[in-house]
Amino acid sequence: MDAIKRSLNTLSVKYMIEEILSDLETKISQQSDPATKSCLEEAYHHMKVAEECLNAAVHDPQSHYDDAQVFYRILGKVLPLMVLLQTYESLPHVDYGVESSVDTQSSDP
């Protein structure tokens, strides 16, 4: 009985997500404001991710869990490097007043 309820609930949720995705696709195609369109596209992306997670929960939750663990383990290693690179990019440029020989004009006629 629980499996039947779970199956019906899954179908119900799947149907709702499909309706939301369809509605978002329509709204995205009709949108002319780039900021609003971007927000709708982001919402669409996250709904697709939610759909994938729900499908994984029904079909193969262990595999989805394992993949997520690997992803976050790698992200945990890479993220500090990304922050460090961003820190170096945001440092202000310091001009020490040294001119290159190409830029310096000769005083000789």
Protein backbone atom coordinates (compact mmCIF):
# COMPACT_ATOMS: atom_id res chain seq x y z
CA MET A 1 0.00 0.00 0.00
CA ASP A 2 2.83 2.41 0.85
CA ALA A 3 4.47 1.76 -2.51
CA ILE A 4 1.22 2.65 -4.29
CA LYS A 5 0.85 5.87 -2.28
CA ARG A 6 4.46 6.77 -2.94
CA SER A 7 4.00 6.05 -6.65
CA LEU A 8 0.87 8.21 -6.82
CA ASN A 9 2.59 11.01 -4.92
CA THR A 10 5.57 10.78 -7.27
CA LEU A 11 3.29 10.97 -10.31
CA SER A 12 1.48 13.92 -8.78
CA VAL A 13 4.72 15.78 -8.10
CA LYS A 14 6.07 14.89 -11.54
CA TYR A 15 2.91 16.24 -13.16
CA MET A 16 3.16 19.48 -11.14
CA ILE A 17 6.80 19.96 -12.14
CA GLU A 18 5.98 19.35 -15.80
CA GLU A 19 3.21 21.96 -15.58
CA ILE A 20 5.53 24.48 -13.93
CA LEU A 21 8.26 23.86 -16.53
CA SER A 22 5.77 24.27 -19.36
CA ASP A 23 4.45 27.49 -17.83
CA LEU A 24 7.99 28.82 -17.36
CA GLU A 25 8.90 28.00 -20.98
CA THR A 26 5.88 30.00 -22.16
CA LYS A 27 6.70 32.96 -19.92
CA ILE A 28 10.37 32.91 -20.97
CA SER A 29 9.47 33.00 -24.66
CA GLN A 30 7.08 35.93 -24.08
CA GLN A 31 9.45 37.96 -21.91
CA SER A 32 11.17 40.98 -23.42
CA ASP A 33 12.82 42.36 -20.27
CA PRO A 34 16.28 40.75 -20.04
CA ALA A 35 16.43 40.86 -16.24
CA THR A 36 13.04 39.18 -15.81
CA LYS A 37 13.86 36.68 -18.56
CA SER A 38 17.12 35.80 -16.78
CA CYS A 39 15.27 35.21 -13.51
CA LEU A 40 12.73 32.98 -15.24
CA GLU A 41 15.51 31.02 -16.97
CA GLU A 42 17.22 30.52 -13.62
CA ALA A 43 13.96 29.30 -12.07
CA TYR A 44 13.53 26.94 -15.02
CA HIS A 45 17.03 25.56 -14.49
CA HIS A 46 16.39 24.92 -10.80
CA MET A 47 13.07 23.23 -11.55
CA LYS A 48 14.91 20.90 -13.96
CA VAL A 49 17.44 20.12 -11.20
CA ALA A 50 14.58 19.43 -8.79
CA GLU A 51 12.99 17.13 -11.36
CA GLU A 52 16.27 15.22 -11.74
CA CYS A 53 16.60 14.86 -7.97
CA LEU A 54 13.07 13.54 -7.62
CA ASN A 55 13.60 11.09 -10.48
CA ALA A 56 16.81 9.91 -8.85
CA ALA A 57 15.02 9.48 -5.53
CA VAL A 58 12.57 7.13 -7.20
CA HIS A 59 14.89 5.22 -9.52
CA ASP A 60 18.37 5.14 -7.99
CA PRO A 61 18.83 7.28 -4.87
CA GLN A 62 22.15 5.68 -3.87
CA SER A 63 23.79 6.49 -7.19
CA HIS A 64 22.54 10.08 -7.03
CA TYR A 65 23.80 10.39 -3.47
CA ASP A 66 27.22 8.99 -4.39
CA ASP A 67 27.53 11.35 -7.37
CA ALA A 68 26.62 14.33 -5.18
CA GLN A 69 29.19 13.32 -2.57
CA VAL A 70 31.93 13.15 -5.20
CA PHE A 71 30.88 16.51 -6.64
CA TYR A 72 30.88 18.29 -3.27
CA ARG A 73 34.18 16.69 -2.27
CA ILE A 74 35.78 18.07 -5.44
CA LEU A 75 34.04 21.42 -4.98
CA GLY A 76 35.42 21.61 -1.44
CA LYS A 77 38.94 21.29 -2.86
CA VAL A 78 38.49 23.70 -5.77
CA LEU A 79 36.49 26.45 -4.06
CA PRO A 80 39.36 27.78 -1.91
CA LEU A 81 41.49 28.10 -5.06
CA MET A 82 38.72 30.01 -6.80
CA VAL A 83 38.44 32.41 -3.85
CA LEU A 84 42.20 32.91 -3.84
CA LEU A 85 42.21 33.70 -7.57
CA GLN A 86 39.35 36.13 -7.12
CA THR A 87 41.27 37.88 -4.34
CA TYR A 88 44.26 38.42 -6.63
CA GLU A 89 42.01 39.73 -9.40
CA SER A 90 40.47 42.34 -7.12
CA LEU A 91 43.78 43.77 -5.86
CA PRO A 92 44.27 47.35 -7.02
CA HIS A 93 46.91 48.04 -9.66
CA VAL A 94 49.90 49.86 -8.19
CA ASP A 95 51.82 52.20 -10.50
CA TYR A 96 55.34 52.60 -9.23
CA GLY A 97 56.13 55.45 -11.62
CA VAL A 98 58.64 53.44 -13.64
CA GLU A 99 58.39 54.12 -17.34
CA SER A 100 59.50 51.63 -19.93
CA SER A 101 62.17 52.60 -22.44
CA VAL A 102 59.63 52.35 -25.27
CA ASP A 103 57.37 54.95 -23.66
CA THR A 104 60.23 57.35 -22.85
CA GLN A 105 60.99 59.85 -25.56
CA SER A 106 64.61 60.68 -26.28
CA SER A 107 65.74 64.27 -25.70
CA ASP A 108 68.31 63.99 -28.49
CA PRO A 109 67.34 65.69 -31.77
